[in-house]
Amino acid sequence: MVIGIERAVRTFAMPGTGITDFEKLSREIARVGIYDLAIHHEQILVPVVLRHWKLEQLTALSDEAEKAREALLKRIERIGKVGAKMAKDRVLA
């Protein structure tokens, strides 16, 4: 389960990836505050992965699952930092 969650978070892509001008559209979506890394972190990753699934509290994992859990915790923390910085920069712009 942990390995699957880590893979899903690592490979997450906004719906619409691959459509013409998606990168431009996704920047606009983020600019107006509809969806960005900060929102993804605060409304999906923290409440679901960390709190609901209690990822930090899981024990007795296989070595592979423990490595995935550690990588996932680092990724969630990094997403939070990058998302907060991007949101701050957007406000200042």
PDB file of N, CA and C in Angstrom:
ATOM      1  N   MET A   1       0.816  -1.184   0.000  1.00  0.00           N
ATOM      2  CA  MET A   1       0.000   0.000   0.000  1.00  0.00           C
ATOM      3  C   MET A   1       0.865   1.256   0.000  1.00  0.00           C
ATOM      4  N   VAL A   2       1.858   1.322   0.885  1.00  0.00           N
ATOM      5  CA  VAL A   2       2.717   2.501   0.975  1.00  0.00           C
ATOM      6  C   VAL A   2       3.464   2.720  -0.332  1.00  0.00           C
ATOM      7  N   ILE A   3       3.916   1.645  -0.931  1.00  0.00           N
ATOM      8  CA  ILE A   3       4.637   1.749  -2.206  1.00  0.00           C
ATOM      9  C   ILE A   3       3.714   2.326  -3.279  1.00  0.00           C
ATOM     10  N   GLY A   4       2.486   1.895  -3.299  1.00  0.00           N
ATOM     11  CA  GLY A   4       1.509   2.412  -4.263  1.00  0.00           C
ATOM     12  C   GLY A   4       1.179   3.873  -4.020  1.00  0.00           C
ATOM     13  N   ILE A   5       1.044   4.269  -2.769  1.00  0.00           N
ATOM     14  CA  ILE A   5       0.766   5.678  -2.445  1.00  0.00           C
ATOM     15  C   ILE A   5       1.949   6.544  -2.873  1.00  0.00           C
ATOM     16  N   GLU A   6       3.162   6.080  -2.575  1.00  0.00           N
ATOM     17  CA  GLU A   6       4.352   6.845  -2.965  1.00  0.00           C
ATOM     18  C   GLU A   6       4.395   7.027  -4.474  1.00  0.00           C
ATOM     19  N   ARG A   7       4.125   5.971  -5.208  1.00  0.00           N
ATOM     20  CA  ARG A   7       4.132   6.043  -6.671  1.00  0.00           C
ATOM     21  C   ARG A   7       3.060   7.007  -7.169  1.00  0.00           C
ATOM     22  N   ALA A   8       1.875   6.954  -6.576  1.00  0.00           N
ATOM     23  CA  ALA A   8       0.784   7.835  -7.007  1.00  0.00           C
ATOM     24  C   ALA A   8       1.132   9.301  -6.759  1.00  0.00           C
ATOM     25  N   VAL A   9       1.713   9.608  -5.610  1.00  0.00           N
ATOM     26  CA  VAL A   9       2.092  10.990  -5.313  1.00  0.00           C
ATOM     27  C   VAL A   9       3.228  11.428  -6.231  1.00  0.00           C
ATOM     28  N   ARG A  10       4.213  10.556  -6.429  1.00  0.00           N
ATOM     29  CA  ARG A  10       5.379  10.898  -7.260  1.00  0.00           C
ATOM     30  C   ARG A  10       4.988  11.126  -8.714  1.00  0.00           C
ATOM     31  N   THR A  11       4.016  10.389  -9.213  1.00  0.00           N
ATOM     32  CA  THR A  11       3.667  10.474 -10.636  1.00  0.00           C
ATOM     33  C   THR A  11       2.396  11.288 -10.890  1.00  0.00           C
ATOM     34  N   PHE A  12       1.865  11.932  -9.847  1.00  0.00           N
ATOM     35  CA  PHE A  12       0.625  12.695 -10.014  1.00  0.00           C
ATOM     36  C   PHE A  12       0.783  13.731 -11.126  1.00  0.00           C
ATOM     37  N   ALA A  13      -0.217  13.820 -11.952  1.00  0.00           N
ATOM     38  CA  ALA A  13      -0.279  14.860 -12.981  1.00  0.00           C
ATOM     39  C   ALA A  13      -1.702  15.393 -13.000  1.00  0.00           C
ATOM     40  N   MET A  14      -1.802  16.689 -13.146  1.00  0.00           N
ATOM     41  CA  MET A  14      -3.123  17.305 -13.229  1.00  0.00           C
ATOM     42  C   MET A  14      -3.905  16.698 -14.380  1.00  0.00           C
ATOM     43  N   PRO A  15      -5.201  16.484 -14.193  1.00  0.00           N
ATOM     44  CA  PRO A  15      -6.025  16.058 -15.326  1.00  0.00           C
ATOM     45  C   PRO A  15      -5.899  17.089 -16.448  1.00  0.00           C
ATOM     46  N   GLY A  16      -5.750  16.614 -17.646  1.00  0.00           N
ATOM     47  CA  GLY A  16      -5.580  17.514 -18.777  1.00  0.00           C
ATOM     48  C   GLY A  16      -4.159  17.541 -19.299  1.00  0.00           C
ATOM     49  N   THR A  17      -3.234  16.932 -18.555  1.00  0.00           N
ATOM     50  CA  THR A  17      -1.858  16.875 -19.027  1.00  0.00           C
ATOM     51  C   THR A  17      -1.853  16.260 -20.421  1.00  0.00           C
ATOM     52  N   GLY A  18      -1.140  16.888 -21.314  1.00  0.00           N
ATOM     53  CA  GLY A  18      -1.078  16.384 -22.683  1.00  0.00           C
ATOM     54  C   GLY A  18      -1.955  17.153 -23.658  1.00  0.00           C
ATOM     55  N   ILE A  19      -2.885  17.968 -23.157  1.00  0.00           N
ATOM     56  CA  ILE A  19      -3.690  18.754 -24.087  1.00  0.00           C
ATOM     57  C   ILE A  19      -2.877  19.947 -24.569  1.00  0.00           C
ATOM     58  N   THR A  20      -3.221  20.472 -25.674  1.00  0.00           N
ATOM     59  CA  THR A  20      -2.522  21.612 -26.257  1.00  0.00           C
ATOM     60  C   THR A  20      -2.483  22.769 -25.268  1.00  0.00           C
ATOM     61  N   ASP A  21      -1.304  23.360 -25.105  1.00  0.00           N
ATOM     62  CA  ASP A  21      -1.077  24.519 -24.232  1.00  0.00           C
ATOM     63  C   ASP A  21      -1.372  24.239 -22.755  1.00  0.00           C
ATOM     64  N   PHE A  22      -1.278  22.973 -22.349  1.00  0.00           N
ATOM     65  CA  PHE A  22      -1.601  22.653 -20.958  1.00  0.00           C
ATOM     66  C   PHE A  22      -0.697  23.378 -19.975  1.00  0.00           C
ATOM     67  N   GLU A  23       0.593  23.474 -20.273  1.00  0.00           N
ATOM     68  CA  GLU A  23       1.495  24.152 -19.341  1.00  0.00           C
ATOM     69  C   GLU A  23       1.066  25.606 -19.130  1.00  0.00           C
ATOM     70  N   LYS A  24       0.713  26.282 -20.196  1.00  0.00           N
ATOM     71  CA  LYS A  24       0.236  27.667 -20.096  1.00  0.00           C
ATOM     72  C   LYS A  24      -1.061  27.719 -19.278  1.00  0.00           C
ATOM     73  N   LEU A  25      -1.967  26.803 -19.565  1.00  0.00           N
ATOM     74  CA  LEU A  25      -3.242  26.770 -18.845  1.00  0.00           C
ATOM     75  C   LEU A  25      -3.032  26.464 -17.365  1.00  0.00           C
ATOM     76  N   SER A  26      -2.129  25.525 -17.056  1.00  0.00           N
ATOM     77  CA  SER A  26      -1.912  25.176 -15.656  1.00  0.00           C
ATOM     78  C   SER A  26      -1.279  26.329 -14.887  1.00  0.00           C
ATOM     79  N   ARG A  27      -0.416  27.098 -15.546  1.00  0.00           N
ATOM     80  CA  ARG A  27       0.137  28.295 -14.883  1.00  0.00           C
ATOM     81  C   ARG A  27      -0.972  29.300 -14.586  1.00  0.00           C
ATOM     82  N   GLU A  28      -1.902  29.455 -15.501  1.00  0.00           N
ATOM     83  CA  GLU A  28      -3.019  30.373 -15.292  1.00  0.00           C
ATOM     84  C   GLU A  28      -3.936  29.867 -14.171  1.00  0.00           C
ATOM     85  N   ILE A  29      -4.174  28.564 -14.148  1.00  0.00           N
ATOM     86  CA  ILE A  29      -4.981  27.955 -13.085  1.00  0.00           C
ATOM     87  C   ILE A  29      -4.332  28.224 -11.733  1.00  0.00           C
ATOM     88  N   ALA A  30      -3.019  28.081 -11.669  1.00  0.00           N
ATOM     89  CA  ALA A  30      -2.292  28.352 -10.424  1.00  0.00           C
ATOM     90  C   ALA A  30      -2.322  29.845 -10.098  1.00  0.00           C
ATOM     91  N   ARG A  31      -2.117  30.683 -11.103  1.00  0.00           N
ATOM     92  CA  ARG A  31      -2.060  32.133 -10.886  1.00  0.00           C
ATOM     93  C   ARG A  31      -3.337  32.674 -10.252  1.00  0.00           C
ATOM     94  N   VAL A  32      -4.461  32.144 -10.665  1.00  0.00           N
ATOM     95  CA  VAL A  32      -5.731  32.638 -10.129  1.00  0.00           C
ATOM     96  C   VAL A  32      -6.170  31.880  -8.874  1.00  0.00           C
ATOM     97  N   GLY A  33      -5.343  30.934  -8.439  1.00  0.00           N
ATOM     98  CA  GLY A  33      -5.605  30.249  -7.176  1.00  0.00           C
ATOM     99  C   GLY A  33      -6.609  29.119  -7.232  1.00  0.00           C
ATOM    100  N   ILE A  34      -6.862  28.586  -8.425  1.00  0.00           N
ATOM    101  CA  ILE A  34      -7.794  27.463  -8.533  1.00  0.00           C
ATOM    102  C   ILE A  34      -7.137  26.179  -8.036  1.00  0.00           C
ATOM    103  N   TYR A  35      -5.920  25.927  -8.504  1.00  0.00           N
ATOM    104  CA  TYR A  35      -5.192  24.732  -8.068  1.00  0.00           C
ATOM    105  C   TYR A  35      -3.714  24.941  -8.307  1.00  0.00           C
ATOM    106  N   ASP A  36      -2.919  24.669  -7.271  1.00  0.00           N
ATOM    107  CA  ASP A  36      -1.472  24.777  -7.368  1.00  0.00           C
ATOM    108  C   ASP A  36      -0.846  23.821  -6.359  1.00  0.00           C
ATOM    109  N   LEU A  37       0.472  23.838  -6.253  1.00  0.00           N
ATOM    110  CA  LEU A  37       1.136  22.919  -5.328  1.00  0.00           C
ATOM    111  C   LEU A  37       0.736  23.155  -3.874  1.00  0.00           C
ATOM    112  N   ALA A  38       0.550  24.411  -3.506  1.00  0.00           N
ATOM    113  CA  ALA A  38       0.152  24.704  -2.119  1.00  0.00           C
ATOM    114  C   ALA A  38      -1.222  24.109  -1.816  1.00  0.00           C
ATOM    115  N   ILE A  39      -2.144  24.250  -2.729  1.00  0.00           N
ATOM    116  CA  ILE A  39      -3.487  23.682  -2.547  1.00  0.00           C
ATOM    117  C   ILE A  39      -3.407  22.157  -2.528  1.00  0.00           C
ATOM    118  N   HIS A  40      -2.636  21.583  -3.437  1.00  0.00           N
ATOM    119  CA  HIS A  40      -2.464  20.128  -3.484  1.00  0.00           C
ATOM    120  C   HIS A  40      -1.901  19.627  -2.152  1.00  0.00           C
ATOM    121  N   HIS A  41      -0.940  20.339  -1.617  1.00  0.00           N
ATOM    122  CA  HIS A  41      -0.322  19.961  -0.342  1.00  0.00           C
ATOM    123  C   HIS A  41      -1.317  20.066   0.807  1.00  0.00           C
ATOM    124  N   GLU A  42      -1.982  21.213   0.905  1.00  0.00           N
ATOM    125  CA  GLU A  42      -2.856  21.481   2.053  1.00  0.00           C
ATOM    126  C   GLU A  42      -4.208  20.783   2.010  1.00  0.00           C
ATOM    127  N   GLN A  43      -4.706  20.487   0.802  1.00  0.00           N
ATOM    128  CA  GLN A  43      -6.039  19.898   0.714  1.00  0.00           C
ATOM    129  C   GLN A  43      -6.051  18.413   0.350  1.00  0.00           C
ATOM    130  N   ILE A  44      -4.921  17.895  -0.118  1.00  0.00           N
ATOM    131  CA  ILE A  44      -4.863  16.482  -0.491  1.00  0.00           C
ATOM    132  C   ILE A  44      -3.801  15.742   0.326  1.00  0.00           C
ATOM    133  N   LEU A  45      -2.561  16.162   0.178  1.00  0.00           N
ATOM    134  CA  LEU A  45      -1.466  15.396   0.778  1.00  0.00           C
ATOM    135  C   LEU A  45      -1.510  15.377   2.301  1.00  0.00           C
ATOM    136  N   VAL A  46      -1.658  16.520   2.928  1.00  0.00           N
ATOM    137  CA  VAL A  46      -1.646  16.558   4.394  1.00  0.00           C
ATOM    138  C   VAL A  46      -2.897  15.900   4.977  1.00  0.00           C
ATOM    139  N   PRO A  47      -4.097  16.309   4.578  1.00  0.00           N
ATOM    140  CA  PRO A  47      -5.269  15.704   5.226  1.00  0.00           C
ATOM    141  C   PRO A  47      -5.491  14.229   4.880  1.00  0.00           C
ATOM    142  N   VAL A  48      -5.184  13.826   3.668  1.00  0.00           N
ATOM    143  CA  VAL A  48      -5.461  12.442   3.276  1.00  0.00           C
ATOM    144  C   VAL A  48      -4.278  11.533   3.580  1.00  0.00           C
ATOM    145  N   VAL A  49      -3.135  11.831   2.979  1.00  0.00           N
ATOM    146  CA  VAL A  49      -1.990  10.923   3.112  1.00  0.00           C
ATOM    147  C   VAL A  49      -1.424  10.940   4.526  1.00  0.00           C
ATOM    148  N   LEU A  50      -1.232  12.113   5.082  1.00  0.00           N
ATOM    149  CA  LEU A  50      -0.621  12.172   6.409  1.00  0.00           C
ATOM    150  C   LEU A  50      -1.613  11.915   7.527  1.00  0.00           C
ATOM    151  N   ARG A  51      -2.735  12.619   7.538  1.00  0.00           N
ATOM    152  CA  ARG A  51      -3.670  12.492   8.668  1.00  0.00           C
ATOM    153  C   ARG A  51      -4.584  11.277   8.562  1.00  0.00           C
ATOM    154  N   HIS A  52      -5.296  11.149   7.454  1.00  0.00           N
ATOM    155  CA  HIS A  52      -6.278  10.075   7.323  1.00  0.00           C
ATOM    156  C   HIS A  52      -5.609   8.700   7.247  1.00  0.00           C
ATOM    157  N   TRP A  53      -4.588   8.585   6.407  1.00  0.00           N
ATOM    158  CA  TRP A  53      -3.911   7.304   6.255  1.00  0.00           C
ATOM    159  C   TRP A  53      -2.797   7.126   7.284  1.00  0.00           C
ATOM    160  N   LYS A  54      -2.541   8.158   8.091  1.00  0.00           N
ATOM    161  CA  LYS A  54      -1.564   8.094   9.191  1.00  0.00           C
ATOM    162  C   LYS A  54      -0.211   7.545   8.736  1.00  0.00           C
ATOM    163  N   LEU A  55       0.276   8.069   7.634  1.00  0.00           N
ATOM    164  CA  LEU A  55       1.510   7.581   7.044  1.00  0.00           C
ATOM    165  C   LEU A  55       2.695   7.636   7.999  1.00  0.00           C
ATOM    166  N   GLU A  56       2.779   8.685   8.784  1.00  0.00           N
ATOM    167  CA  GLU A  56       3.917   8.832   9.694  1.00  0.00           C
ATOM    168  C   GLU A  56       3.892   7.808  10.836  1.00  0.00           C
ATOM    169  N   GLN A  57       2.733   7.268  11.134  1.00  0.00           N
ATOM    170  CA  GLN A  57       2.590   6.361  12.275  1.00  0.00           C
ATOM    171  C   GLN A  57       2.671   4.881  11.901  1.00  0.00           C
ATOM    172  N   LEU A  58       2.761   4.577  10.628  1.00  0.00           N
ATOM    173  CA  LEU A  58       2.799   3.179  10.208  1.00  0.00           C
ATOM    174  C   LEU A  58       4.073   2.508  10.702  1.00  0.00           C
ATOM    175  N   THR A  59       3.932   1.280  11.157  1.00  0.00           N
ATOM    176  CA  THR A  59       5.073   0.515  11.649  1.00  0.00           C
ATOM    177  C   THR A  59       5.068  -0.869  11.019  1.00  0.00           C
ATOM    178  N   ALA A  60       6.098  -1.619  11.277  1.00  0.00           N
ATOM    179  CA  ALA A  60       6.237  -3.002  10.809  1.00  0.00           C
ATOM    180  C   ALA A  60       6.151  -3.110   9.289  1.00  0.00           C
ATOM    181  N   LEU A  61       6.751  -2.150   8.612  1.00  0.00           N
ATOM    182  CA  LEU A  61       6.750  -2.162   7.151  1.00  0.00           C
ATOM    183  C   LEU A  61       7.945  -2.962   6.646  1.00  0.00           C
ATOM    184  N   SER A  62       7.814  -3.490   5.454  1.00  0.00           N
ATOM    185  CA  SER A  62       8.959  -4.137   4.817  1.00  0.00           C
ATOM    186  C   SER A  62      10.016  -3.066   4.533  1.00  0.00           C
ATOM    187  N   ASP A  63      11.232  -3.491   4.254  1.00  0.00           N
ATOM    188  CA  ASP A  63      12.287  -2.521   3.944  1.00  0.00           C
ATOM    189  C   ASP A  63      11.899  -1.643   2.758  1.00  0.00           C
ATOM    190  N   GLU A  64      11.322  -2.258   1.731  1.00  0.00           N
ATOM    191  CA  GLU A  64      10.915  -1.513   0.538  1.00  0.00           C
ATOM    192  C   GLU A  64       9.809  -0.501   0.870  1.00  0.00           C
ATOM    193  N   ALA A  65       8.846  -0.905   1.665  1.00  0.00           N
ATOM    194  CA  ALA A  65       7.755  -0.007   2.049  1.00  0.00           C
ATOM    195  C   ALA A  65       8.270   1.117   2.940  1.00  0.00           C
ATOM    196  N   GLU A  66       9.217   0.815   3.815  1.00  0.00           N
ATOM    197  CA  GLU A  66       9.794   1.859   4.678  1.00  0.00           C
ATOM    198  C   GLU A  66      10.557   2.878   3.848  1.00  0.00           C
ATOM    199  N   LYS A  67      11.294   2.439   2.859  1.00  0.00           N
ATOM    200  CA  LYS A  67      12.001   3.371   1.966  1.00  0.00           C
ATOM    201  C   LYS A  67      11.009   4.239   1.207  1.00  0.00           C
ATOM    202  N   ALA A  68       9.923   3.626   0.752  1.00  0.00           N
ATOM    203  CA  ALA A  68       8.887   4.380   0.042  1.00  0.00           C
ATOM    204  C   ALA A  68       8.240   5.402   0.973  1.00  0.00           C
ATOM    205  N   ARG A  69       7.987   5.010   2.221  1.00  0.00           N
ATOM    206  CA  ARG A  69       7.386   5.921   3.203  1.00  0.00           C
ATOM    207  C   ARG A  69       8.311   7.106   3.460  1.00  0.00           C
ATOM    208  N   GLU A  70       9.588   6.843   3.647  1.00  0.00           N
ATOM    209  CA  GLU A  70      10.540   7.918   3.888  1.00  0.00           C
ATOM    210  C   GLU A  70      10.622   8.857   2.685  1.00  0.00           C
ATOM    211  N   ALA A  71      10.665   8.294   1.485  1.00  0.00           N
ATOM    212  CA  ALA A  71      10.697   9.113   0.274  1.00  0.00           C
ATOM    213  C   ALA A  71       9.424   9.948   0.153  1.00  0.00           C
ATOM    214  N   LEU A  72       8.300   9.353   0.472  1.00  0.00           N
ATOM    215  CA  LEU A  72       7.017  10.047   0.390  1.00  0.00           C
ATOM    216  C   LEU A  72       6.940  11.193   1.390  1.00  0.00           C
ATOM    217  N   LEU A  73       7.383  10.955   2.610  1.00  0.00           N
ATOM    218  CA  LEU A  73       7.377  12.023   3.616  1.00  0.00           C
ATOM    219  C   LEU A  73       8.258  13.193   3.175  1.00  0.00           C
ATOM    220  N   LYS A  74       9.421  12.892   2.621  1.00  0.00           N
ATOM    221  CA  LYS A  74      10.309  13.950   2.109  1.00  0.00           C
ATOM    222  C   LYS A  74       9.654  14.691   0.955  1.00  0.00           C
ATOM    223  N   ARG A  75       9.016  13.947   0.052  1.00  0.00           N
ATOM    224  CA  ARG A  75       8.367  14.567  -1.110  1.00  0.00           C
ATOM    225  C   ARG A  75       7.231  15.489  -0.660  1.00  0.00           C
ATOM    226  N   ILE A  76       6.424  15.042   0.293  1.00  0.00           N
ATOM    227  CA  ILE A  76       5.315  15.863   0.778  1.00  0.00           C
ATOM    228  C   ILE A  76       5.852  17.138   1.425  1.00  0.00           C
ATOM    229  N   GLU A  77       6.904  17.015   2.200  1.00  0.00           N
ATOM    230  CA  GLU A  77       7.515  18.195   2.818  1.00  0.00           C
ATOM    231  C   GLU A  77       8.044  19.154   1.749  1.00  0.00           C
ATOM    232  N   ARG A  78       8.721  18.614   0.746  1.00  0.00           N
ATOM    233  CA  ARG A  78       9.271  19.445  -0.332  1.00  0.00           C
ATOM    234  C   ARG A  78       8.155  20.123  -1.123  1.00  0.00           C
ATOM    235  N   ILE A  79       7.090  19.391  -1.417  1.00  0.00           N
ATOM    236  CA  ILE A  79       5.953  19.976  -2.139  1.00  0.00           C
ATOM    237  C   ILE A  79       5.365  21.132  -1.331  1.00  0.00           C
ATOM    238  N   GLY A  80       5.256  20.954  -0.024  1.00  0.00           N
ATOM    239  CA  GLY A  80       4.741  22.025   0.832  1.00  0.00           C
ATOM    240  C   GLY A  80       5.611  23.266   0.771  1.00  0.00           C
ATOM    241  N   LYS A  81       6.927  23.085   0.834  1.00  0.00           N
ATOM    242  CA  LYS A  81       7.845  24.228   0.782  1.00  0.00           C
ATOM    243  C   LYS A  81       7.804  24.926  -0.567  1.00  0.00           C
ATOM    244  N   VAL A  82       7.850  24.151  -1.641  1.00  0.00           N
ATOM    245  CA  VAL A  82       7.821  24.735  -2.978  1.00  0.00           C
ATOM    246  C   VAL A  82       6.479  25.420  -3.218  1.00  0.00           C
ATOM    247  N   GLY A  83       5.396  24.778  -2.820  1.00  0.00           N
ATOM    248  CA  GLY A  83       4.065  25.367  -2.997  1.00  0.00           C
ATOM    249  C   GLY A  83       3.920  26.675  -2.243  1.00  0.00           C
ATOM    250  N   ALA A  84       4.420  26.719  -1.012  1.00  0.00           N
ATOM    251  CA  ALA A  84       4.344  27.954  -0.220  1.00  0.00           C
ATOM    252  C   ALA A  84       5.167  29.064  -0.867  1.00  0.00           C
ATOM    253  N   LYS A  85       6.352  28.716  -1.362  1.00  0.00           N
ATOM    254  CA  LYS A  85       7.203  29.721  -2.021  1.00  0.00           C
ATOM    255  C   LYS A  85       6.539  30.242  -3.287  1.00  0.00           C
ATOM    256  N   MET A  86       5.974  29.339  -4.073  1.00  0.00           N
ATOM    257  CA  MET A  86       5.309  29.760  -5.311  1.00  0.00           C
ATOM    258  C   MET A  86       4.111  30.662  -5.008  1.00  0.00           C
ATOM    259  N   ALA A  87       3.349  30.319  -3.985  1.00  0.00           N
ATOM    260  CA  ALA A  87       2.190  31.136  -3.611  1.00  0.00           C
ATOM    261  C   ALA A  87       2.646  32.506  -3.135  1.00  0.00           C
ATOM    262  N   LYS A  88       3.708  32.546  -2.345  1.00  0.00           N
ATOM    263  CA  LYS A  88       4.243  33.811  -1.855  1.00  0.00           C
ATOM    264  C   LYS A  88       4.735  34.670  -3.013  1.00  0.00           C
ATOM    265  N   ASP A  89       5.484  34.053  -3.932  1.00  0.00           N
ATOM    266  CA  ASP A  89       6.001  34.791  -5.093  1.00  0.00           C
ATOM    267  C   ASP A  89       4.858  35.333  -5.943  1.00  0.00           C
ATOM    268  N   ARG A  90       3.773  34.561  -6.047  1.00  0.00           N
ATOM    269  CA  ARG A  90       2.616  34.986  -6.844  1.00  0.00           C
ATOM    270  C   ARG A  90       1.968  36.213  -6.227  1.00  0.00           C
ATOM    271  N   VAL A  91       1.891  36.243  -4.909  1.00  0.00           N
ATOM    272  CA  VAL A  91       1.299  37.382  -4.193  1.00  0.00           C
ATOM    273  C   VAL A  91       2.164  38.626  -4.380  1.00  0.00           C
ATOM    274  N   LEU A  92       3.477  38.425  -4.350  1.00  0.00           N
ATOM    275  CA  LEU A  92       4.403  39.546  -4.472  1.00  0.00           C
ATOM    276  C   LEU A  92       4.495  40.080  -5.891  1.00  0.00           C
ATOM    277  N   ALA A  93       4.088  39.286  -6.872  1.00  0.00           N
ATOM    278  CA  ALA A  93       4.219  39.690  -8.287  1.00  0.00           C
ATOM    279  C   ALA A  93       3.191  40.720  -8.681  1.00  0.00           C
TER     280      ALA A  93
END
